[in-house]
Amino acid sequence: MDQFFTSYIDQPKYTSFIKKTVEMAQSLKLNIIIEGIENVKQKEFYISLGCDTYQGYLEARPMRAGALAQYITDHSLEGSTF
């Protein structure tokens, strides 16, 4: 799901679109990756819809490849989707 929609989860017309898009993707057994999660409210909204993977500043800022291995070690992300 594009970051554009994530930033408008409080607006009913976008919320409806997001819900229907997620339902369609789930019915097709597609993996859904949510972009642009910046706060807990956004994360919880998508979790409530059954979304299982996200990326965004809530988790981490962009980093160089060399820093990624250390980040994973420091945050014990193995086996986690959030």
Protein backbone atom coordinates (compact mmCIF):
# COMPACT_ATOMS: atom_id res chain seq x y z
CA MET A 1 0.00 0.00 0.00
CA ASP A 2 1.53 3.30 -1.05
CA GLN A 3 2.59 5.85 1.55
CA PHE A 4 0.11 8.36 0.11
CA PHE A 5 -2.81 6.38 1.53
CA THR A 6 -1.08 5.75 4.85
CA SER A 7 -0.90 9.49 5.47
CA TYR A 8 -4.69 9.83 5.01
CA ILE A 9 -6.06 7.04 7.22
CA ASP A 10 -8.22 9.57 9.08
CA GLN A 11 -10.18 10.54 5.97
CA PRO A 12 -13.18 8.28 5.32
CA LYS A 13 -12.89 8.17 1.51
CA TYR A 14 -9.30 6.97 1.77
CA THR A 15 -10.04 4.62 4.66
CA SER A 16 -12.73 2.94 2.56
CA PHE A 17 -10.36 2.58 -0.38
CA ILE A 18 -7.62 1.14 1.86
CA LYS A 19 -9.98 -1.40 3.43
CA LYS A 20 -11.31 -2.56 0.06
CA THR A 21 -7.82 -2.79 -1.43
CA VAL A 22 -6.57 -4.85 1.52
CA GLU A 23 -9.64 -7.13 1.31
CA MET A 24 -9.05 -7.69 -2.40
CA ALA A 25 -5.34 -8.44 -1.91
CA GLN A 26 -6.12 -10.84 0.93
CA SER A 27 -8.76 -12.64 -1.12
CA LEU A 28 -6.13 -13.14 -3.83
CA LYS A 29 -3.66 -14.41 -1.19
CA LEU A 30 -1.24 -11.58 -1.98
CA ASN A 31 1.36 -10.31 0.49
CA ILE A 32 0.65 -6.75 1.52
CA ILE A 33 3.50 -4.41 2.35
CA ILE A 34 2.47 -1.10 3.85
CA GLU A 35 4.70 1.86 3.07
CA GLY A 36 5.33 4.95 5.12
CA ILE A 37 4.35 3.87 8.63
CA GLU A 38 5.46 6.78 10.80
CA ASN A 39 3.45 6.37 13.99
CA VAL A 40 1.75 3.77 16.18
CA LYS A 41 -1.75 4.86 15.10
CA GLN A 42 -0.96 4.03 11.46
CA LYS A 43 0.62 0.72 12.44
CA GLU A 44 -2.37 -0.29 14.58
CA PHE A 45 -4.82 0.68 11.81
CA TYR A 46 -3.16 -1.68 9.36
CA ILE A 47 -2.76 -4.45 11.93
CA SER A 48 -6.52 -4.22 12.53
CA LEU A 49 -6.99 -4.94 8.82
CA GLY A 50 -4.77 -8.01 8.99
CA CYS A 51 -1.73 -6.50 7.29
CA ASP A 52 1.44 -8.24 8.35
CA THR A 53 4.40 -6.29 6.94
CA TYR A 54 5.30 -2.63 6.87
CA GLN A 55 8.18 -0.26 6.39
CA GLY A 56 8.66 3.28 7.51
CA TYR A 57 10.24 5.70 9.94
CA LEU A 58 8.41 4.12 12.89
CA GLU A 59 10.72 1.13 12.51
CA ALA A 60 13.88 2.79 11.21
CA ARG A 61 15.26 5.63 9.13
CA PRO A 62 17.01 4.78 5.86
CA MET A 63 20.47 3.33 6.47
CA ARG A 64 23.47 2.11 4.58
CA ALA A 65 23.70 -1.60 3.84
CA GLY A 66 26.58 -2.02 6.28
CA ALA A 67 24.45 -0.71 9.14
CA LEU A 68 21.57 -3.09 8.40
CA ALA A 69 23.20 -6.23 9.81
CA GLN A 70 23.96 -4.45 13.07
CA TYR A 71 20.43 -3.02 13.20
CA ILE A 72 18.92 -6.50 12.83
CA THR A 73 21.21 -7.85 15.55
CA ASP A 74 20.45 -4.96 17.91
CA HIS A 75 16.69 -5.16 17.44
CA SER A 76 16.26 -8.95 17.35
CA LEU A 77 14.10 -8.81 14.22
CA GLU A 78 14.60 -12.45 13.31
CA GLY A 79 11.19 -14.06 12.88
CA SER A 80 9.32 -10.78 13.28
CA THR A 81 7.23 -8.99 10.66
CA PHE A 82 7.00 -5.80 12.71
